[in-house]
Amino acid sequence: MIAGDFSIASAVLSSRGTLIAAPMVERFGRHVMMSISTLIQLLCFILITVLIRFTQRPRHPFQTEVAKASVVWFFTYYIGLGLRMLGIPWLYLTEINSLPMGTKGAAAATMTDWLANFLVVEVTPIGIQNLEWKFHVTWAVVNAVTLPIIWAFFPETANRTLEDLDAYYRENPPLLVIKDKEATSVRRPQRFVAGRNFDVERITGESLNKRPTQEENGRAFE
């Protein structure tokens, strides 16, 4: 019963976090939102680990209070998860892949997401049973490792078209995106805006040049 209630509460909180993130993701960008989400998850698991450690101490005077506090941070974790990390398989992987590889990248990301979920569900009961509070250190470490990877290697995709990202990767960008201001900027790079305007003007000009003249129209009716 308690496990069912916890599952329902976690689903509701993560969905609320996703709703909060929806209007913010284009304004602040994927790069920042993913970093903030991962940081929240990291802090939550550090606090959860410490609090559960105290609940398992024999004769600790505040075991009940500490246990209740750990539940609060579990719920906070799900809000942080919904802020950004929950949407990665459905949005970000499609954006950073090239146009021909977009659907394949989304399929691979979705498969990886569900395999990881299956692994976590299978491993967690065994880990908690054998390692007790120490098992939560695993997730704190995972988030601690993930945070610098996102900050250093994940380019920004907000306010960019798929063609912009295709052009970005064709230029052989640096591996570390923190070395490239355009790669982490939320604003669309000006050169992509200029290139888009140039393409529109070129296509419009070609269309006007191909338009038949009045003389040609008259001949067509003869």
N, C-alpha and C. Protein backbone atom coordinates (compact mmCIF):
# COMPACT_ATOMS: atom_id res chain seq x y z
N MET A 1 0.83 -1.21 0.00
CA MET A 1 0.00 0.00 0.00
C MET A 1 0.86 1.25 0.00
N ILE A 2 1.86 1.27 0.91
CA ILE A 2 2.74 2.44 1.00
C ILE A 2 3.54 2.60 -0.29
N ALA A 3 4.04 1.47 -0.84
CA ALA A 3 4.81 1.53 -2.08
C ALA A 3 3.95 2.07 -3.22
N GLY A 4 2.67 1.65 -3.27
CA GLY A 4 1.77 2.16 -4.31
C GLY A 4 1.54 3.65 -4.19
N ASP A 5 1.32 4.12 -2.96
CA ASP A 5 1.13 5.56 -2.73
C ASP A 5 2.37 6.34 -3.10
N PHE A 6 3.54 5.79 -2.79
CA PHE A 6 4.79 6.47 -3.11
C PHE A 6 4.98 6.56 -4.63
N SER A 7 4.62 5.50 -5.35
CA SER A 7 4.74 5.50 -6.81
C SER A 7 3.82 6.55 -7.42
N ILE A 8 2.60 6.64 -6.91
CA ILE A 8 1.65 7.64 -7.42
C ILE A 8 2.16 9.04 -7.15
N ALA A 9 2.65 9.27 -5.93
CA ALA A 9 3.16 10.60 -5.56
C ALA A 9 4.37 10.98 -6.42
N SER A 10 5.27 10.03 -6.66
CA SER A 10 6.46 10.32 -7.46
C SER A 10 6.08 10.64 -8.90
N ALA A 11 5.09 9.92 -9.44
CA ALA A 11 4.64 10.19 -10.82
C ALA A 11 4.01 11.57 -10.93
N VAL A 12 3.21 11.94 -9.94
CA VAL A 12 2.56 13.26 -9.94
C VAL A 12 3.61 14.37 -9.84
N LEU A 13 4.58 14.21 -8.95
CA LEU A 13 5.60 15.24 -8.74
C LEU A 13 6.50 15.39 -9.96
N SER A 14 6.90 14.28 -10.58
CA SER A 14 7.75 14.37 -11.77
C SER A 14 7.00 15.02 -12.92
N SER A 15 5.70 14.73 -13.05
CA SER A 15 4.91 15.37 -14.11
C SER A 15 4.75 16.86 -13.83
N ARG A 16 4.61 17.24 -12.55
CA ARG A 16 4.54 18.66 -12.20
C ARG A 16 5.86 19.36 -12.56
N GLY A 17 6.98 18.68 -12.28
CA GLY A 17 8.26 19.25 -12.65
C GLY A 17 8.39 19.45 -14.14
N THR A 18 7.86 18.51 -14.92
CA THR A 18 7.88 18.63 -16.37
C THR A 18 7.04 19.81 -16.83
N LEU A 19 5.88 20.00 -16.20
CA LEU A 19 5.02 21.14 -16.56
C LEU A 19 5.69 22.47 -16.22
N ILE A 20 6.42 22.50 -15.13
CA ILE A 20 7.17 23.71 -14.77
C ILE A 20 8.25 23.99 -15.80
N ALA A 21 8.90 22.93 -16.28
CA ALA A 21 10.02 23.09 -17.20
C ALA A 21 9.57 23.49 -18.60
N ALA A 22 8.36 23.11 -19.00
CA ALA A 22 7.90 23.32 -20.38
C ALA A 22 8.04 24.77 -20.86
N PRO A 23 7.56 25.77 -20.10
CA PRO A 23 7.71 27.15 -20.58
C PRO A 23 9.12 27.73 -20.38
N MET A 24 9.97 27.01 -19.64
CA MET A 24 11.30 27.53 -19.32
C MET A 24 12.39 27.00 -20.24
N VAL A 25 12.11 25.89 -20.92
CA VAL A 25 13.18 25.18 -21.62
C VAL A 25 13.73 25.98 -22.80
N GLU A 26 12.89 26.75 -23.49
CA GLU A 26 13.39 27.58 -24.59
C GLU A 26 14.03 28.86 -24.08
N ARG A 27 13.57 29.33 -22.94
CA ARG A 27 14.11 30.58 -22.39
C ARG A 27 15.49 30.38 -21.78
N PHE A 28 15.65 29.34 -21.00
CA PHE A 28 16.93 29.09 -20.31
C PHE A 28 17.81 28.07 -21.03
N GLY A 29 17.20 27.28 -21.93
CA GLY A 29 17.98 26.33 -22.72
C GLY A 29 18.09 24.95 -22.10
N ARG A 30 18.37 23.97 -22.96
CA ARG A 30 18.50 22.59 -22.50
C ARG A 30 19.74 22.41 -21.63
N HIS A 31 20.83 23.06 -22.02
CA HIS A 31 22.11 22.90 -21.34
C HIS A 31 22.00 23.29 -19.86
N VAL A 32 21.42 24.44 -19.60
CA VAL A 32 21.27 24.92 -18.22
C VAL A 32 20.25 24.09 -17.46
N MET A 33 19.12 23.78 -18.11
CA MET A 33 18.07 23.03 -17.42
C MET A 33 18.52 21.62 -17.05
N MET A 34 19.26 20.97 -17.95
CA MET A 34 19.78 19.65 -17.62
C MET A 34 20.78 19.71 -16.48
N SER A 35 21.61 20.74 -16.48
CA SER A 35 22.60 20.89 -15.41
C SER A 35 21.92 21.14 -14.06
N ILE A 36 20.91 22.01 -14.05
CA ILE A 36 20.18 22.30 -12.81
C ILE A 36 19.46 21.05 -12.31
N SER A 37 18.82 20.34 -13.23
CA SER A 37 18.11 19.12 -12.86
C SER A 37 19.06 18.10 -12.24
N THR A 38 20.22 17.91 -12.86
CA THR A 38 21.20 16.95 -12.35
C THR A 38 21.74 17.39 -10.99
N LEU A 39 21.96 18.69 -10.82
CA LEU A 39 22.45 19.21 -9.55
C LEU A 39 21.44 18.97 -8.43
N ILE A 40 20.15 19.20 -8.72
CA ILE A 40 19.10 18.94 -7.73
C ILE A 40 19.09 17.46 -7.34
N GLN A 41 19.19 16.60 -8.33
CA GLN A 41 19.20 15.16 -8.05
C GLN A 41 20.42 14.76 -7.21
N LEU A 42 21.56 15.35 -7.52
CA LEU A 42 22.78 15.06 -6.76
C LEU A 42 22.62 15.47 -5.30
N LEU A 43 22.16 16.69 -5.06
CA LEU A 43 21.98 17.18 -3.69
C LEU A 43 20.96 16.34 -2.93
N CYS A 44 19.88 15.95 -3.63
CA CYS A 44 18.86 15.13 -2.97
C CYS A 44 19.42 13.79 -2.53
N PHE A 45 20.20 13.15 -3.39
CA PHE A 45 20.73 11.84 -3.02
C PHE A 45 21.81 11.93 -1.93
N ILE A 46 22.54 13.02 -1.91
CA ILE A 46 23.49 13.20 -0.81
C ILE A 46 22.73 13.30 0.52
N LEU A 47 21.68 14.11 0.53
CA LEU A 47 20.90 14.28 1.76
C LEU A 47 20.16 13.00 2.13
N ILE A 48 19.62 12.30 1.13
CA ILE A 48 18.93 11.03 1.40
C ILE A 48 19.89 10.03 2.02
N THR A 49 21.09 9.94 1.47
CA THR A 49 22.09 9.00 1.99
C THR A 49 22.42 9.30 3.44
N VAL A 50 22.65 10.57 3.74
CA VAL A 50 23.01 10.95 5.11
C VAL A 50 21.86 10.69 6.08
N LEU A 51 20.64 11.06 5.66
CA LEU A 51 19.49 10.90 6.55
C LEU A 51 19.17 9.44 6.81
N ILE A 52 19.21 8.61 5.76
CA ILE A 52 18.94 7.19 5.95
C ILE A 52 20.02 6.54 6.82
N ARG A 53 21.24 7.04 6.70
CA ARG A 53 22.31 6.53 7.57
C ARG A 53 21.96 6.73 9.04
N PHE A 54 21.40 7.89 9.37
CA PHE A 54 21.02 8.16 10.75
C PHE A 54 19.83 7.32 11.20
N THR A 55 18.90 7.04 10.26
CA THR A 55 17.74 6.22 10.65
C THR A 55 18.15 4.78 10.98
N GLN A 56 19.27 4.35 10.42
CA GLN A 56 19.72 2.97 10.66
C GLN A 56 20.74 2.87 11.79
N ARG A 57 20.98 3.99 12.45
CA ARG A 57 21.86 3.96 13.62
C ARG A 57 21.09 3.43 14.83
N PRO A 58 21.63 2.45 15.52
CA PRO A 58 20.93 1.94 16.71
C PRO A 58 20.77 3.03 17.77
N ARG A 59 19.57 3.09 18.33
CA ARG A 59 19.27 4.00 19.44
C ARG A 59 19.47 5.48 19.07
N HIS A 60 19.29 5.82 17.81
CA HIS A 60 19.36 7.25 17.45
C HIS A 60 18.10 7.94 17.97
N PRO A 61 18.23 9.08 18.66
CA PRO A 61 17.07 9.68 19.33
C PRO A 61 16.01 10.25 18.38
N PHE A 62 16.38 10.51 17.13
CA PHE A 62 15.43 11.15 16.20
C PHE A 62 15.23 10.30 14.93
N GLN A 63 15.13 9.03 15.09
CA GLN A 63 15.00 8.15 13.93
C GLN A 63 13.75 8.46 13.11
N THR A 64 12.63 8.64 13.76
CA THR A 64 11.37 8.90 13.06
C THR A 64 11.43 10.22 12.30
N GLU A 65 11.93 11.27 12.96
CA GLU A 65 12.01 12.59 12.33
C GLU A 65 12.96 12.57 11.12
N VAL A 66 14.08 11.89 11.28
CA VAL A 66 15.06 11.82 10.20
C VAL A 66 14.49 11.03 9.02
N ALA A 67 13.75 9.96 9.29
CA ALA A 67 13.13 9.16 8.23
C ALA A 67 12.12 10.00 7.44
N LYS A 68 11.32 10.81 8.15
CA LYS A 68 10.36 11.69 7.47
C LYS A 68 11.08 12.72 6.60
N ALA A 69 12.20 13.23 7.10
CA ALA A 69 12.96 14.21 6.32
C ALA A 69 13.51 13.58 5.05
N SER A 70 13.93 12.32 5.09
CA SER A 70 14.46 11.65 3.90
C SER A 70 13.38 11.50 2.83
N VAL A 71 12.13 11.26 3.26
CA VAL A 71 11.02 11.13 2.30
C VAL A 71 10.81 12.44 1.56
N VAL A 72 10.94 13.57 2.25
CA VAL A 72 10.80 14.89 1.62
C VAL A 72 11.80 15.04 0.48
N TRP A 73 13.03 14.59 0.70
CA TRP A 73 14.07 14.73 -0.33
C TRP A 73 13.88 13.75 -1.46
N PHE A 74 13.26 12.61 -1.18
CA PHE A 74 12.89 11.70 -2.27
C PHE A 74 11.90 12.39 -3.21
N PHE A 75 10.91 13.06 -2.64
CA PHE A 75 9.92 13.77 -3.45
C PHE A 75 10.55 14.95 -4.19
N THR A 76 11.46 15.64 -3.52
CA THR A 76 12.16 16.76 -4.18
C THR A 76 12.97 16.26 -5.37
N TYR A 77 13.55 15.08 -5.22
CA TYR A 77 14.30 14.46 -6.32
C TYR A 77 13.41 14.30 -7.56
N TYR A 78 12.18 13.85 -7.38
CA TYR A 78 11.29 13.62 -8.52
C TYR A 78 10.90 14.93 -9.20
N ILE A 79 10.80 16.01 -8.43
CA ILE A 79 10.56 17.31 -9.05
C ILE A 79 11.76 17.71 -9.90
N GLY A 80 12.97 17.52 -9.34
CA GLY A 80 14.19 17.82 -10.10
C GLY A 80 14.31 16.97 -11.34
N LEU A 81 13.92 15.70 -11.24
CA LEU A 81 13.94 14.80 -12.40
C LEU A 81 13.03 15.32 -13.50
N GLY A 82 11.83 15.74 -13.11
CA GLY A 82 10.88 16.24 -14.10
C GLY A 82 11.29 17.55 -14.74
N LEU A 83 12.10 18.34 -14.05
CA LEU A 83 12.50 19.64 -14.60
C LEU A 83 13.20 19.52 -15.94
N ARG A 84 13.97 18.43 -16.12
CA ARG A 84 14.64 18.31 -17.41
C ARG A 84 15.08 16.89 -17.75
N MET A 85 15.67 16.19 -16.80
CA MET A 85 16.27 14.91 -17.13
C MET A 85 15.24 13.90 -17.62
N LEU A 86 14.00 14.06 -17.23
CA LEU A 86 12.96 13.12 -17.64
C LEU A 86 12.69 13.20 -19.14
N GLY A 87 12.94 14.35 -19.76
CA GLY A 87 12.60 14.53 -21.17
C GLY A 87 13.71 14.27 -22.16
N ILE A 88 14.90 13.92 -21.68
CA ILE A 88 16.03 13.75 -22.59
C ILE A 88 15.76 12.74 -23.70
N PRO A 89 15.26 11.53 -23.41
CA PRO A 89 15.09 10.56 -24.50
C PRO A 89 14.08 10.99 -25.56
N TRP A 90 13.18 11.90 -25.21
CA TRP A 90 12.10 12.26 -26.13
C TRP A 90 12.38 13.55 -26.90
N LEU A 91 13.36 14.33 -26.51
CA LEU A 91 13.57 15.63 -27.15
C LEU A 91 15.02 15.84 -27.57
N TYR A 92 15.91 15.80 -26.63
CA TYR A 92 17.29 16.24 -26.88
C TYR A 92 18.01 15.35 -27.88
N LEU A 93 17.85 14.03 -27.76
CA LEU A 93 18.57 13.12 -28.66
C LEU A 93 18.13 13.29 -30.09
N THR A 94 16.86 13.63 -30.31
CA THR A 94 16.38 13.88 -31.67
C THR A 94 17.01 15.15 -32.23
N GLU A 95 17.20 16.14 -31.39
CA GLU A 95 17.73 17.43 -31.84
C GLU A 95 19.20 17.39 -32.20
N ILE A 96 20.01 16.69 -31.41
CA ILE A 96 21.45 16.75 -31.65
C ILE A 96 21.91 15.77 -32.74
N ASN A 97 21.06 14.84 -33.14
CA ASN A 97 21.43 13.95 -34.23
C ASN A 97 21.24 14.65 -35.57
N SER A 98 21.97 14.18 -36.57
CA SER A 98 21.82 14.73 -37.91
C SER A 98 20.44 14.39 -38.45
N LEU A 99 20.03 15.08 -39.50
CA LEU A 99 18.69 14.87 -40.05
C LEU A 99 18.45 13.41 -40.46
N PRO A 100 19.39 12.75 -41.16
CA PRO A 100 19.15 11.34 -41.52
C PRO A 100 19.13 10.41 -40.31
N MET A 101 19.80 10.81 -39.22
CA MET A 101 19.92 9.93 -38.04
C MET A 101 18.95 10.30 -36.92
N GLY A 102 18.09 11.27 -37.14
CA GLY A 102 17.20 11.75 -36.07
C GLY A 102 16.31 10.67 -35.50
N THR A 103 15.61 9.94 -36.37
CA THR A 103 14.70 8.90 -35.87
C THR A 103 15.48 7.73 -35.27
N LYS A 104 16.62 7.40 -35.87
CA LYS A 104 17.44 6.31 -35.32
C LYS A 104 17.99 6.68 -33.94
N GLY A 105 18.41 7.94 -33.79
CA GLY A 105 18.90 8.40 -32.49
C GLY A 105 17.81 8.37 -31.44
N ALA A 106 16.59 8.80 -31.82
CA ALA A 106 15.47 8.77 -30.87
C ALA A 106 15.13 7.34 -30.47
N ALA A 107 15.18 6.41 -31.43
CA ALA A 107 14.90 5.01 -31.13
C ALA A 107 15.95 4.43 -30.18
N ALA A 108 17.22 4.73 -30.44
CA ALA A 108 18.29 4.24 -29.58
C ALA A 108 18.17 4.81 -28.17
N ALA A 109 17.83 6.11 -28.09
CA ALA A 109 17.68 6.76 -26.78
C ALA A 109 16.52 6.16 -26.00
N THR A 110 15.40 5.91 -26.68
CA THR A 110 14.24 5.33 -26.01
C THR A 110 14.54 3.92 -25.50
N MET A 111 15.22 3.13 -26.34
CA MET A 111 15.60 1.78 -25.93
C MET A 111 16.51 1.83 -24.71
N THR A 112 17.51 2.74 -24.74
CA THR A 112 18.44 2.86 -23.62
C THR A 112 17.72 3.28 -22.35
N ASP A 113 16.76 4.20 -22.49
CA ASP A 113 16.00 4.69 -21.34
C ASP A 113 15.25 3.54 -20.66
N TRP A 114 14.56 2.73 -21.45
CA TRP A 114 13.78 1.65 -20.85
C TRP A 114 14.66 0.53 -20.31
N LEU A 115 15.78 0.26 -20.97
CA LEU A 115 16.71 -0.74 -20.45
C LEU A 115 17.30 -0.29 -19.11
N ALA A 116 17.62 1.01 -19.03
CA ALA A 116 18.16 1.55 -17.77
C ALA A 116 17.11 1.48 -16.67
N ASN A 117 15.85 1.81 -17.01
CA ASN A 117 14.78 1.70 -16.02
C ASN A 117 14.62 0.26 -15.52
N PHE A 118 14.68 -0.68 -16.45
CA PHE A 118 14.56 -2.10 -16.09
C PHE A 118 15.71 -2.50 -15.16
N LEU A 119 16.93 -2.05 -15.48
CA LEU A 119 18.09 -2.38 -14.67
C LEU A 119 17.96 -1.81 -13.25
N VAL A 120 17.51 -0.55 -13.17
CA VAL A 120 17.36 0.09 -11.85
C VAL A 120 16.32 -0.65 -11.01
N VAL A 121 15.19 -1.00 -11.64
CA VAL A 121 14.13 -1.70 -10.90
C VAL A 121 14.62 -3.06 -10.40
N GLU A 122 15.42 -3.76 -11.20
CA GLU A 122 15.90 -5.08 -10.81
C GLU A 122 16.99 -5.00 -9.73
N VAL A 123 17.84 -4.00 -9.83
CA VAL A 123 19.02 -3.92 -8.96
C VAL A 123 18.70 -3.28 -7.61
N THR A 124 17.80 -2.29 -7.60
CA THR A 124 17.57 -1.49 -6.38
C THR A 124 17.16 -2.33 -5.16
N PRO A 125 16.18 -3.24 -5.25
CA PRO A 125 15.82 -4.02 -4.05
C PRO A 125 16.99 -4.83 -3.50
N ILE A 126 17.77 -5.42 -4.41
CA ILE A 126 18.93 -6.22 -3.98
C ILE A 126 19.98 -5.33 -3.33
N GLY A 127 20.21 -4.16 -3.95
CA GLY A 127 21.21 -3.23 -3.41
C GLY A 127 20.85 -2.72 -2.03
N ILE A 128 19.57 -2.34 -1.86
CA ILE A 128 19.13 -1.84 -0.55
C ILE A 128 19.20 -2.93 0.51
N GLN A 129 18.85 -4.16 0.13
CA GLN A 129 18.86 -5.27 1.07
C GLN A 129 20.28 -5.58 1.55
N ASN A 130 21.25 -5.49 0.64
CA ASN A 130 22.62 -5.87 0.98
C ASN A 130 23.49 -4.71 1.46
N LEU A 131 23.29 -3.54 0.87
CA LEU A 131 24.15 -2.41 1.21
C LEU A 131 23.48 -1.39 2.13
N GLU A 132 22.15 -1.50 2.26
CA GLU A 132 21.37 -0.56 3.08
C GLU A 132 21.61 0.88 2.61
N TRP A 133 21.94 1.80 3.50
CA TRP A 133 22.06 3.22 3.14
C TRP A 133 23.19 3.47 2.15
N LYS A 134 24.18 2.61 2.13
CA LYS A 134 25.33 2.81 1.22
C LYS A 134 24.92 2.71 -0.25
N PHE A 135 23.82 2.00 -0.51
CA PHE A 135 23.40 1.83 -1.91
C PHE A 135 23.05 3.17 -2.56
N HIS A 136 22.53 4.11 -1.79
CA HIS A 136 22.15 5.41 -2.33
C HIS A 136 23.36 6.25 -2.74
N VAL A 137 24.52 5.89 -2.23
CA VAL A 137 25.75 6.56 -2.66
C VAL A 137 25.96 6.36 -4.16
N THR A 138 25.52 5.20 -4.67
CA THR A 138 25.66 4.89 -6.10
C THR A 138 25.02 5.97 -6.95
N TRP A 139 23.79 6.36 -6.60
CA TRP A 139 23.07 7.34 -7.42
C TRP A 139 23.64 8.74 -7.23
N ALA A 140 24.16 9.03 -6.05
CA ALA A 140 24.83 10.32 -5.86
C ALA A 140 26.07 10.41 -6.76
N VAL A 141 26.81 9.31 -6.83
CA VAL A 141 28.01 9.27 -7.69
C VAL A 141 27.63 9.39 -9.16
N VAL A 142 26.57 8.69 -9.58
CA VAL A 142 26.12 8.76 -10.97
C VAL A 142 25.79 10.20 -11.36
N ASN A 143 25.07 10.90 -10.51
CA ASN A 143 24.73 12.30 -10.80
C ASN A 143 25.95 13.20 -10.74
N ALA A 144 26.86 12.93 -9.81
CA ALA A 144 28.08 13.73 -9.72
C ALA A 144 28.93 13.59 -10.98
N VAL A 145 28.96 12.41 -11.56
CA VAL A 145 29.71 12.18 -12.79
C VAL A 145 28.99 12.78 -14.00
N THR A 146 27.66 12.69 -13.99
CA THR A 146 26.86 13.18 -15.11
C THR A 146 26.93 14.70 -15.25
N LEU A 147 26.96 15.41 -14.13
CA LEU A 147 26.91 16.87 -14.16
C LEU A 147 28.04 17.49 -14.99
N PRO A 148 29.32 17.18 -14.75
CA PRO A 148 30.37 17.77 -15.59
C PRO A 148 30.33 17.29 -17.04
N ILE A 149 29.81 16.08 -17.27
CA ILE A 149 29.69 15.60 -18.65
C ILE A 149 28.70 16.46 -19.43
N ILE A 150 27.55 16.75 -18.81
CA ILE A 150 26.57 17.62 -19.45
C ILE A 150 27.16 19.00 -19.71
N TRP A 151 27.81 19.56 -18.71
CA TRP A 151 28.33 20.92 -18.81
C TRP A 151 29.43 21.03 -19.87
N ALA A 152 30.23 19.99 -20.01
CA ALA A 152 31.39 20.06 -20.90
C ALA A 152 31.11 19.59 -22.32
N PHE A 153 30.17 18.62 -22.49
CA PHE A 153 30.04 17.97 -23.79
C PHE A 153 28.70 18.17 -24.49
N PHE A 154 27.66 18.62 -23.78
CA PHE A 154 26.33 18.69 -24.38
C PHE A 154 26.08 20.08 -24.98
N PRO A 155 25.96 20.21 -26.29
CA PRO A 155 25.70 21.53 -26.88
C PRO A 155 24.27 21.98 -26.66
N GLU A 156 24.08 23.29 -26.73
CA GLU A 156 22.75 23.87 -26.57
C GLU A 156 21.96 23.70 -27.87
N THR A 157 20.69 23.35 -27.77
CA THR A 157 19.84 23.19 -28.96
C THR A 157 18.63 24.12 -28.96
N ALA A 158 18.46 24.91 -27.91
CA ALA A 158 17.31 25.81 -27.84
C ALA A 158 17.41 26.89 -28.91
N ASN A 159 16.27 27.27 -29.48
CA ASN A 159 16.17 28.34 -30.48
C ASN A 159 17.02 28.08 -31.72
N ARG A 160 17.22 26.81 -32.03
CA ARG A 160 17.95 26.42 -33.23
C ARG A 160 17.09 25.47 -34.05
N THR A 161 17.28 25.53 -35.36
CA THR A 161 16.60 24.57 -36.22
C THR A 161 17.47 23.32 -36.35
N LEU A 162 16.88 22.25 -36.84
CA LEU A 162 17.65 21.02 -37.06
C LEU A 162 18.75 21.25 -38.10
N GLU A 163 18.46 22.16 -39.07
CA GLU A 163 19.48 22.49 -40.08
C GLU A 163 20.66 23.22 -39.45
N ASP A 164 20.39 24.05 -38.43
CA ASP A 164 21.47 24.74 -37.72
C ASP A 164 22.42 23.74 -37.08
N LEU A 165 21.87 22.72 -36.44
CA LEU A 165 22.70 21.73 -35.76
C LEU A 165 23.46 20.87 -36.76
N ASP A 166 22.83 20.59 -37.89
CA ASP A 166 23.53 19.87 -38.96
C ASP A 166 24.75 20.66 -39.42
N ALA A 167 24.55 21.97 -39.63
CA ALA A 167 25.65 22.83 -40.07
C ALA A 167 26.72 22.93 -38.99
N TYR A 168 26.31 22.98 -37.73
CA TYR A 168 27.26 23.06 -36.61
C TYR A 168 28.19 21.85 -36.59
N TYR A 169 27.64 20.65 -36.75
CA TYR A 169 28.47 19.45 -36.70
C TYR A 169 29.33 19.27 -37.95
N ARG A 170 28.87 19.80 -39.08
CA ARG A 170 29.68 19.71 -40.30
C ARG A 170 30.96 20.55 -40.21
N GLU A 171 30.96 21.53 -39.30
CA GLU A 171 32.13 22.41 -39.14
C GLU A 171 33.20 21.81 -38.23
N ASN A 172 32.98 20.55 -37.80
CA ASN A 172 33.95 19.88 -36.91
C ASN A 172 34.21 20.71 -35.65
N PRO A 173 33.17 20.91 -34.80
CA PRO A 173 33.31 21.76 -33.61
C PRO A 173 34.20 21.10 -32.57
N PRO A 174 34.67 21.88 -31.58
CA PRO A 174 35.50 21.29 -30.52
C PRO A 174 34.71 20.29 -29.69
N LEU A 175 35.42 19.30 -29.16
CA LEU A 175 34.76 18.28 -28.35
C LEU A 175 34.14 18.88 -27.10
N LEU A 176 34.85 19.82 -26.47
CA LEU A 176 34.35 20.48 -25.27
C LEU A 176 33.54 21.70 -25.68
N VAL A 177 32.23 21.65 -25.45
CA VAL A 177 31.37 22.76 -25.87
C VAL A 177 31.63 24.02 -25.06
N ILE A 178 32.22 23.89 -23.87
CA ILE A 178 32.48 25.07 -23.06
C ILE A 178 33.55 25.96 -23.68
N LYS A 179 34.26 25.43 -24.70
CA LYS A 179 35.24 26.24 -25.41
C LYS A 179 34.61 27.05 -26.54
N ASP A 180 33.34 26.80 -26.82
CA ASP A 180 32.64 27.46 -27.92
C ASP A 180 31.42 28.18 -27.36
N LYS A 181 31.44 29.52 -27.38
CA LYS A 181 30.34 30.30 -26.82
C LYS A 181 29.04 30.05 -27.57
N GLU A 182 29.14 29.86 -28.89
CA GLU A 182 27.92 29.61 -29.67
C GLU A 182 27.26 28.30 -29.26
N ALA A 183 28.07 27.32 -28.88
CA ALA A 183 27.53 25.99 -28.55
C ALA A 183 26.75 25.99 -27.25
N THR A 184 27.01 26.95 -26.38
CA THR A 184 26.31 27.00 -25.08
C THR A 184 25.36 28.19 -24.96
N SER A 185 25.30 29.02 -25.99
CA SER A 185 24.42 30.20 -25.95
C SER A 185 22.98 29.79 -26.21
N VAL A 186 22.05 30.37 -25.45
CA VAL A 186 20.63 30.09 -25.66
C VAL A 186 20.13 30.79 -26.92
N ARG A 187 20.71 31.94 -27.22
CA ARG A 187 20.31 32.67 -28.43
C ARG A 187 20.82 31.96 -29.68
N ARG A 188 20.03 32.02 -30.71
CA ARG A 188 20.45 31.43 -31.98
C ARG A 188 21.63 32.22 -32.55
N PRO A 189 22.73 31.54 -32.91
CA PRO A 189 23.89 32.25 -33.45
C PRO A 189 23.52 33.10 -34.66
N GLN A 190 24.08 34.29 -34.72
CA GLN A 190 23.72 35.24 -35.76
C GLN A 190 24.04 34.72 -37.16
N ARG A 191 25.10 33.94 -37.28
CA ARG A 191 25.48 33.44 -38.60
C ARG A 191 24.43 32.48 -39.16
N PHE A 192 23.74 31.77 -38.26
CA PHE A 192 22.66 30.89 -38.73
C PHE A 192 21.46 31.72 -39.17
N VAL A 193 21.19 32.80 -38.45
CA VAL A 193 20.09 33.69 -38.83
C VAL A 193 20.39 34.31 -40.19
N ALA A 194 21.64 34.80 -40.37
CA ALA A 194 22.03 35.41 -41.63
C ALA A 194 21.98 34.40 -42.77
N GLY A 195 22.44 33.18 -42.51
CA GLY A 195 22.40 32.14 -43.53
C GLY A 195 20.99 31.79 -43.93
N ARG A 196 20.08 31.75 -42.96
CA ARG A 196 18.68 31.46 -43.24
C ARG A 196 18.07 32.55 -44.10
N ASN A 197 18.34 33.81 -43.74
CA ASN A 197 17.82 34.93 -44.53
C ASN A 197 18.35 34.92 -45.95
N PHE A 198 19.63 34.56 -46.09
CA PHE A 198 20.25 34.48 -47.42
C PHE A 198 19.56 33.41 -48.26
N ASP A 199 19.29 32.25 -47.66
CA ASP A 199 18.62 31.17 -48.39
C ASP A 199 17.22 31.58 -48.82
N VAL A 200 16.50 32.27 -47.93
CA VAL A 200 15.15 32.73 -48.28
C VAL A 200 15.20 33.71 -49.44
N GLU A 201 16.14 34.67 -49.37
CA GLU A 201 16.27 35.66 -50.45
C GLU A 201 16.67 34.99 -51.77
N ARG A 202 17.56 34.00 -51.68
CA ARG A 202 18.00 33.31 -52.90
C ARG A 202 16.86 32.54 -53.54
N ILE A 203 16.09 31.82 -52.72
CA ILE A 203 14.96 31.05 -53.25
C ILE A 203 13.89 31.97 -53.82
N THR A 204 13.64 33.08 -53.12
CA THR A 204 12.65 34.05 -53.60
C THR A 204 13.09 34.66 -54.92
N GLY A 205 14.38 35.00 -55.01
CA GLY A 205 14.91 35.58 -56.24
C GLY A 205 14.82 34.62 -57.41
N GLU A 206 15.14 33.35 -57.16
CA GLU A 206 15.05 32.35 -58.22
C GLU A 206 13.61 32.18 -58.69
N SER A 207 12.66 32.23 -57.74
CA SER A 207 11.25 32.09 -58.10
C SER A 207 10.79 33.25 -58.97
N LEU A 208 11.25 34.46 -58.64
CA LEU A 208 10.87 35.63 -59.42
C LEU A 208 11.47 35.57 -60.82
N ASN A 209 12.71 35.07 -60.90
CA ASN A 209 13.38 34.99 -62.20
C ASN A 209 12.71 33.97 -63.11
N LYS A 210 12.12 32.94 -62.50
CA LYS A 210 11.47 31.89 -63.29
C LYS A 210 10.05 32.25 -63.68
N ARG A 211 9.50 33.36 -63.12
CA ARG A 211 8.13 33.74 -63.41
C ARG A 211 8.03 34.19 -64.87
N PRO A 212 7.09 33.70 -65.63
CA PRO A 212 6.99 34.08 -67.06
C PRO A 212 6.62 35.55 -67.23
N THR A 213 7.17 36.17 -68.27
CA THR A 213 6.88 37.57 -68.57
C THR A 213 5.52 37.67 -69.26
N GLN A 214 5.02 38.91 -69.44
CA GLN A 214 3.73 39.11 -70.10
C GLN A 214 3.77 38.63 -71.54
N GLU A 215 4.94 38.83 -72.18
CA GLU A 215 5.08 38.39 -73.58
C GLU A 215 4.98 36.88 -73.68
N GLU A 216 5.64 36.18 -72.73
CA GLU A 216 5.59 34.72 -72.74
C GLU A 216 4.18 34.22 -72.44
N ASN A 217 3.47 34.94 -71.55
CA ASN A 217 2.08 34.55 -71.27
C ASN A 217 1.20 34.70 -72.49
N GLY A 218 1.47 35.78 -73.27
CA GLY A 218 0.67 36.01 -74.48
C GLY A 218 0.91 34.92 -75.52
N ARG A 219 2.17 34.50 -75.65
CA ARG A 219 2.48 33.43 -76.59
C ARG A 219 1.83 32.11 -76.18
N ALA A 220 1.71 31.91 -74.88
CA ALA A 220 1.13 30.65 -74.41
C ALA A 220 -0.32 30.52 -74.81
N PHE A 221 -1.01 31.67 -75.01
CA PHE A 221 -2.45 31.63 -75.34
C PHE A 221 -2.68 31.67 -76.85
N GLU A 222 -1.57 31.87 -77.64
CA GLU A 222 -1.75 31.93 -79.09
C GLU A 222 -1.97 30.53 -79.67
